[in-house]
Protein backbone atom coordinates (compact mmCIF):
# COMPACT_ATOMS: atom_id res chain seq x y z
CA UNK A 1 -18.75 9.99 18.42
CA UNK A 2 -21.34 12.64 19.08
CA UNK A 3 -21.30 15.99 17.27
CA UNK A 4 -18.44 18.37 17.96
CA UNK A 5 -18.56 21.47 20.13
CA UNK A 6 -19.03 23.74 17.12
CA UNK A 7 -21.79 21.72 15.50
CA UNK A 8 -23.99 20.53 18.34
CA UNK A 9 -27.58 21.27 17.45
CA UNK A 10 -30.77 21.06 19.40
CA UNK A 11 -32.76 18.15 18.05
CA UNK A 12 -35.57 15.86 18.98
CA UNK A 13 -36.81 17.53 22.14
CA UNK A 14 -39.75 19.80 22.85
CA UNK A 15 -37.61 21.80 25.26
CA UNK A 16 -38.49 25.38 24.40
CA UNK A 17 -42.17 25.29 25.21
CA UNK A 18 -44.05 28.56 25.09
CA UNK A 19 -45.20 29.59 28.57
CA UNK A 20 -48.84 28.72 29.17
CA UNK A 21 -51.46 31.05 30.57
CA UNK A 22 -51.81 28.83 33.62
CA UNK A 23 -48.09 29.00 34.43
CA UNK A 24 -47.36 31.01 37.58
CA UNK A 25 -45.13 34.05 37.44
CA UNK A 26 -42.43 32.14 39.31
CA UNK A 27 -42.01 29.72 36.36
CA UNK A 28 -39.41 31.54 34.31
CA UNK A 29 -37.31 30.89 31.24
CA UNK A 30 -33.87 31.87 29.98
CA UNK A 31 -31.88 30.91 26.90
CA UNK A 32 -28.63 31.68 25.17
CA UNK A 33 -25.88 30.42 22.91
CA UNK A 34 -22.93 28.22 23.74
CA UNK A 35 -20.62 25.65 22.14
CA UNK A 36 -21.93 26.40 18.67
CA UNK A 37 -25.48 25.59 19.76
CA UNK A 38 -28.03 26.89 22.28
CA UNK A 39 -28.93 26.42 25.91
CA UNK A 40 -32.29 26.87 27.60
CA UNK A 41 -33.55 26.87 31.16
CA UNK A 42 -37.03 26.67 32.67
CA UNK A 43 -37.12 27.01 36.43
CA UNK A 44 -39.34 27.77 39.38
CA UNK A 45 -38.05 30.97 40.97
CA UNK A 46 -40.08 31.39 44.19
CA UNK A 47 -37.60 33.89 45.67
CA UNK A 48 -37.61 35.84 42.38
CA UNK A 49 -33.85 35.86 42.01
CA UNK A 50 -32.66 38.42 39.47
CA UNK A 51 -32.66 36.80 36.04
CA UNK A 52 -29.28 38.31 35.21
CA UNK A 53 -27.80 36.56 38.24
CA UNK A 54 -29.23 33.24 37.06
CA UNK A 55 -27.99 33.83 33.52
CA UNK A 56 -24.51 34.72 34.75
CA UNK A 57 -24.39 31.52 36.80
CA UNK A 58 -25.27 29.40 33.77
CA UNK A 59 -22.89 31.16 31.42
CA UNK A 60 -20.00 30.97 33.91
CA UNK A 61 -20.49 27.22 34.28
CA UNK A 62 -20.66 26.67 30.51
CA UNK A 63 -17.61 28.86 29.93
CA UNK A 64 -15.68 26.71 32.39
CA UNK A 65 -16.49 23.56 30.40
CA UNK A 66 -15.44 25.25 27.14
CA UNK A 67 -12.18 26.50 28.68
CA UNK A 68 -11.32 23.00 29.80
CA UNK A 69 -12.77 20.59 27.22
CA UNK A 70 -13.50 22.30 23.90
CA UNK A 71 -11.02 21.13 21.29
CA UNK A 72 -12.31 23.98 19.12
CA UNK A 73 -10.62 26.49 21.46
CA UNK A 74 -6.82 26.63 20.95
CA UNK A 75 -6.24 27.86 24.50
CA UNK A 76 -8.41 25.22 26.22
CA UNK A 77 -6.89 22.62 28.54
CA UNK A 78 -7.70 19.80 26.13
CA UNK A 79 -6.12 21.62 23.16
CA UNK A 80 -2.98 22.36 25.15
CA UNK A 81 -2.77 18.70 26.18
CA UNK A 82 -3.14 17.61 22.55
CA UNK A 83 -0.21 19.86 21.57
CA UNK A 84 1.95 18.94 24.56
CA UNK A 85 5.36 17.30 24.08
CA UNK A 86 5.80 13.55 24.58
CA UNK A 87 6.26 12.22 28.11
CA UNK A 88 4.69 15.28 29.75
CA UNK A 89 2.23 14.70 32.59
CA UNK A 90 -0.67 17.11 33.14
CA UNK A 91 -2.82 17.55 36.24
CA UNK A 92 -6.31 18.09 34.87
CA UNK A 93 -8.84 20.52 36.36
CA UNK A 94 -11.36 18.68 38.58
CA UNK A 95 -14.18 18.86 36.03
CA UNK A 96 -11.97 17.60 33.19
CA UNK A 97 -10.78 14.74 35.41
CA UNK A 98 -14.38 13.77 36.25
CA UNK A 99 -15.22 13.54 32.55
CA UNK A 100 -12.13 11.40 31.90
CA UNK A 101 -13.11 9.01 34.70
CA UNK A 102 -16.58 8.61 33.24
CA UNK A 103 -15.34 8.24 29.65
CA UNK A 104 -12.80 5.60 30.61
CA UNK A 105 -15.37 3.73 32.71
CA UNK A 106 -17.64 3.30 29.70
CA UNK A 107 -14.70 2.68 27.36
CA UNK A 108 -13.75 -0.29 29.53
CA UNK A 109 -17.33 -1.54 29.88
CA UNK A 110 -17.96 -1.33 26.11
CA UNK A 111 -14.54 -2.57 24.94
CA UNK A 112 -13.80 0.78 23.31
CA UNK A 113 -17.11 1.77 21.71
CA UNK A 114 -16.42 5.19 23.22
CA UNK A 115 -12.81 6.33 23.18
CA UNK A 116 -11.53 9.74 24.30
CA UNK A 117 -8.48 9.33 22.02
CA UNK A 118 -10.61 9.11 18.83
CA UNK A 119 -9.66 12.64 17.67
CA UNK A 120 -7.29 11.59 14.84
CA UNK A 121 -9.95 9.34 13.31
CA UNK A 122 -12.64 12.03 13.55
CA UNK A 123 -10.31 14.44 11.73
CA UNK A 124 -9.34 12.10 8.93
CA UNK A 125 -13.01 11.44 8.12
CA UNK A 126 -13.59 15.17 7.74
CA UNK A 127 -15.10 16.23 11.08
CA UNK A 128 -13.99 18.39 13.99
CA UNK A 129 -11.65 21.40 14.20
CA UNK A 130 -8.77 19.50 12.58
CA UNK A 131 -10.90 18.04 9.79
CA UNK A 132 -8.83 16.92 6.82
CA UNK A 133 -10.02 18.13 3.45
CA UNK A 134 -10.28 15.95 0.38
CA UNK A 135 -13.13 13.60 1.25
CA UNK A 136 -12.40 9.93 1.75
CA UNK A 137 -9.15 9.31 3.63
CA UNK A 138 -6.52 7.19 1.97
CA UNK A 139 -5.60 3.80 3.47
CA UNK A 140 -2.26 5.26 4.54
CA UNK A 141 -3.94 8.13 6.40
CA UNK A 142 -6.28 5.71 8.17
CA UNK A 143 -3.38 3.49 9.24
CA UNK A 144 -1.58 6.50 10.71
CA UNK A 145 -4.70 7.70 12.53
CA UNK A 146 -5.47 4.26 13.95
CA UNK A 147 -1.94 4.06 15.33
CA UNK A 148 -2.64 7.15 17.45
CA UNK A 149 -5.97 5.90 18.85
CA UNK A 150 -6.56 3.61 21.80
CA UNK A 151 -8.04 4.38 25.21
CA UNK A 152 -5.93 1.60 26.75
CA UNK A 153 -2.84 3.72 26.04
CA UNK A 154 -4.02 6.53 28.32
CA UNK A 155 -1.88 6.71 31.44
CA UNK A 156 -4.54 8.40 33.55
CA UNK A 157 -4.17 8.57 37.32
CA UNK A 158 -7.74 8.59 38.58
CA UNK A 159 -6.63 9.52 42.10
CA UNK A 160 -4.82 12.78 41.37
CA UNK A 161 -6.52 13.40 38.02
CA UNK A 162 -3.30 13.54 36.02
CA UNK A 163 -2.80 12.37 32.45
CA UNK A 164 0.36 11.50 30.53
CA UNK A 165 0.81 12.78 26.98
CA UNK A 166 2.77 9.93 25.49
CA UNK A 167 3.11 11.68 22.16
CA UNK A 168 0.56 12.07 19.39
CA UNK A 169 -2.51 11.59 21.59
CA UNK A 170 -5.44 13.81 20.54
CA UNK A 171 -8.34 13.79 22.99
CA UNK A 172 -11.87 14.39 21.74
CA UNK A 173 -14.61 14.45 24.39
CA UNK A 174 -17.47 15.42 22.07
CA UNK A 175 -19.36 12.24 22.94
CA UNK A 176 -19.61 13.13 26.62
CA UNK A 177 -18.66 16.76 27.39
CA UNK A 178 -21.97 18.29 26.34
CA UNK A 179 -23.79 16.05 28.80
CA UNK A 180 -21.32 17.07 31.49
CA UNK A 181 -22.02 20.72 30.65
CA UNK A 182 -25.68 20.09 31.50
CA UNK A 183 -24.75 18.50 34.83
CA UNK A 184 -22.28 21.27 35.62
CA UNK A 185 -24.88 23.92 34.86
CA UNK A 186 -27.42 22.18 37.08
CA UNK A 187 -25.00 22.03 40.00
CA UNK A 188 -24.19 25.72 39.57
CA UNK A 189 -27.90 26.59 39.61
CA UNK A 190 -28.37 24.57 42.78
CA UNK A 191 -25.84 26.79 44.53
CA UNK A 192 -28.35 29.62 44.02
CA UNK A 193 -30.95 27.62 45.93
CA UNK A 194 -32.93 26.67 42.80
CA UNK A 195 -34.45 23.24 43.34
CA UNK A 196 -36.91 22.83 40.45
CA UNK A 197 -35.59 23.28 36.93
CA UNK A 198 -35.21 21.87 33.44
CA UNK A 199 -31.83 22.66 31.85
CA UNK A 200 -30.84 21.91 28.26
CA UNK A 201 -27.73 22.30 26.13
CA UNK A 202 -27.98 21.46 22.44
CA UNK A 203 -30.83 19.00 22.95
CA UNK A 204 -29.46 17.19 26.02
CA UNK A 205 -31.62 17.83 29.10
CA UNK A 206 -31.77 17.23 32.82
CA UNK A 207 -34.81 17.75 35.00
CA UNK A 208 -34.47 18.50 38.70
CA UNK A 209 -37.43 18.59 41.07
CA UNK A 210 -40.83 19.39 39.57
CA UNK A 211 -42.85 22.06 37.86
CA UNK A 212 -44.93 24.40 40.05
CA UNK A 213 -47.98 22.40 41.03
CA UNK A 214 -46.07 19.16 41.51
CA UNK A 215 -46.06 17.72 37.98
CA UNK A 216 -42.76 16.38 36.62
CA UNK A 217 -40.92 18.11 33.82
CA UNK A 218 -41.84 16.45 30.53
CA UNK A 219 -40.03 16.31 27.19
CA UNK A 220 -40.66 14.53 23.93
CA UNK A 221 -38.12 11.76 23.49
CA UNK A 222 -37.93 12.08 19.72
CA UNK A 223 -40.26 14.28 17.71
CA UNK A 224 -39.56 12.30 14.51
CA UNK A 225 -41.07 9.13 15.97
CA UNK A 226 -44.83 9.24 15.91
CA UNK A 227 -45.03 6.51 18.54
CA UNK A 228 -42.67 8.17 21.00
CA UNK A 229 -44.19 9.00 24.37
CA UNK A 230 -43.49 12.11 26.44
CA UNK A 231 -40.82 11.39 29.03
CA UNK A 232 -41.05 12.59 32.62
CA UNK A 233 -37.67 13.86 33.80
CA UNK A 234 -38.07 13.40 37.54
CA UNK A 235 -34.44 13.93 38.61
CA UNK A 236 -33.32 12.33 35.36
CA UNK A 237 -31.39 13.36 32.25
CA UNK A 238 -31.91 12.48 28.61
CA UNK A 239 -29.44 12.51 25.71
CA UNK A 240 -29.53 11.43 22.07
CA UNK A 241 -26.84 10.39 19.62
CA UNK A 242 -27.48 9.86 15.92
CA UNK A 243 -26.55 10.70 12.37
CA UNK A 244 -29.55 12.69 11.18
CA UNK A 245 -27.68 15.99 11.01
CA UNK A 246 -23.98 15.34 10.35
CA UNK A 247 -22.94 13.30 7.35
CA UNK A 248 -20.49 13.64 4.49
CA UNK A 249 -20.65 12.38 0.92
CA UNK A 250 -18.13 11.84 -1.87
CA UNK A 251 -17.91 9.56 -4.86
CA UNK A 252 -21.30 8.04 -4.18
CA UNK A 253 -20.44 7.13 -0.58
CA UNK A 254 -22.19 8.78 2.35
CA UNK A 255 -20.81 8.39 5.84
CA UNK A 256 -21.81 9.31 9.38
CA UNK A 257 -19.95 11.60 11.77
CA UNK A 258 -20.15 8.75 14.29
CA UNK A 259 -16.84 6.90 14.10
CA UNK A 260 -16.36 3.43 15.54
CA UNK A 261 -13.03 3.74 17.40
CA UNK A 262 -12.60 -0.03 17.31
CA UNK A 263 -12.16 -0.24 13.54
CA UNK A 264 -11.60 3.40 12.57
CA UNK A 265 -14.60 3.49 10.24
CA UNK A 266 -17.88 5.46 10.30
CA UNK A 267 -20.82 3.37 11.45
CA UNK A 268 -22.84 1.72 8.68
CA UNK A 269 -25.65 -0.02 10.53
CA UNK A 270 -29.34 0.90 10.43
CA UNK A 271 -29.59 2.99 13.60
CA UNK A 272 -30.74 6.57 13.10
CA UNK A 273 -30.58 7.57 16.76
CA UNK A 274 -30.34 6.29 20.30
CA UNK A 275 -31.86 8.12 23.27
CA UNK A 276 -30.78 7.31 26.82
CA UNK A 277 -32.21 8.15 30.24
CA UNK A 278 -29.84 8.33 33.22
CA UNK A 279 -29.63 10.30 36.47
CA UNK A 280 -26.50 12.08 35.13
CA UNK A 281 -26.51 13.73 31.72
CA UNK A 282 -22.80 12.98 31.33
CA UNK A 283 -23.52 9.25 31.51
CA UNK A 284 -26.59 9.57 29.29
CA UNK A 285 -24.50 11.36 26.65
CA UNK A 286 -21.67 8.82 26.82
CA UNK A 287 -24.06 5.87 26.70
CA UNK A 288 -25.95 7.29 23.72
CA UNK A 289 -22.59 7.36 21.91
CA UNK A 290 -21.72 3.83 23.04
CA UNK A 291 -25.04 2.37 21.92
CA UNK A 292 -24.95 4.19 18.59
CA UNK A 293 -21.51 2.76 17.85
CA UNK A 294 -22.50 -0.75 18.96
CA UNK A 295 -25.54 -0.77 16.69
CA UNK A 296 -29.08 -2.15 16.97
CA UNK A 297 -28.25 -5.71 18.04
CA UNK A 298 -25.05 -5.39 20.06
CA UNK A 299 -26.24 -2.06 21.49
CA UNK A 300 -29.59 -3.43 22.64
CA UNK A 301 -27.86 -6.40 24.28
CA UNK A 302 -25.38 -4.06 26.03
CA UNK A 303 -28.21 -1.82 27.26
CA UNK A 304 -30.19 -4.77 28.63
CA UNK A 305 -27.09 -6.23 30.28
CA UNK A 306 -26.29 -2.94 32.03
CA UNK A 307 -29.94 -2.04 32.78
CA UNK A 308 -29.75 1.12 30.65
CA UNK A 309 -32.97 2.93 29.77
CA UNK A 310 -32.62 3.39 26.00
CA UNK A 311 -34.81 3.99 22.95
CA UNK A 312 -33.45 2.86 19.55
CA UNK A 313 -34.74 4.28 16.25
CA UNK A 314 -33.71 2.85 12.89
CA UNK A 315 -33.60 4.18 9.36
CA UNK A 316 -36.38 3.08 7.05
CA UNK A 317 -34.37 0.17 5.69
CA UNK A 318 -33.74 -1.27 9.14
CA UNK A 319 -36.03 -3.26 11.43
CA UNK A 320 -39.22 -1.51 12.49
CA UNK A 321 -38.71 0.90 15.34
CA UNK A 322 -38.57 2.28 17.83
CA UNK A 323 -37.17 -0.45 20.06
CA UNK A 324 -37.01 0.21 23.79
CA UNK A 325 -35.21 -1.59 26.60
CA UNK A 326 -37.06 -2.91 29.62
CA UNK A 327 -35.48 -0.15 31.70
CA UNK A 328 -36.83 2.49 29.28
CA UNK A 329 -40.34 1.07 29.47
CA UNK A 330 -40.14 0.99 33.27
CA UNK A 331 -39.09 4.65 33.36
CA UNK A 332 -41.51 6.02 30.79
CA UNK A 333 -44.64 3.96 31.38
CA UNK A 334 -44.70 3.94 35.18
């Protein structure tokens, strides 16, 4: 799983560049706070739209995502679903339903490496709004949590966007919703007529169009990798999943916030982070989670099989990195 709504942090990207002297006056910048992290926007504003109007558009879009999918908000749609009585069916808002379709698509493709029902496992390992105190969970607690997890149990009607609460299901969309927030913000900005922009939420970015002068938007894929190349986001999005920021420790054991839904345990392999390029930030976010859970070998094979542009970085004890897929090299070295 990726970080939760309250703990998402910007990381890895050179996304808040200081305006350069050569930048035209139409290249403008806004930023703010959301979801326990920050958002930032650089955009070409040839019609000189009022900045407050642009800011309001962004913040309205982000507020909509929080109201629907933040399990940190008791009144959100996802929180109300998690508390709902057994055998109750809920028609999800359109945005929520889109995220569920995407999450279940990649859950099926990866045999459950991403799982929107992983909430109970996240909590018992000490993460998220329902984090259980006391450090390492007991075997009994893990057995109970595993019994409540399983994407195959979700009775989701993809046509009408409705979802059945069978009883005890606790959705957690932290591994995908932040990427969707980027996409949703971009679409809202497009309704203003903005065609050239770089939008970021908590380190996940999407570039649309180009900078003034015709050059693509560029970001640094991972500032902790000396060999990483700048990435051109020409109508592309980029997202990273990893365990550099969120870990717990007790009794000499350290564990990652990234939980493998297939076995109920935190990941233990050598990957430090995975960065993914995709036209949609929602997919990039979900795939970064999938590949992080799968690990350096299985994840690389999955990425190559599905033609995913991905960059893998390992901890010092792992194989030398970074390791990039053919699709990543084609995107970044063209």
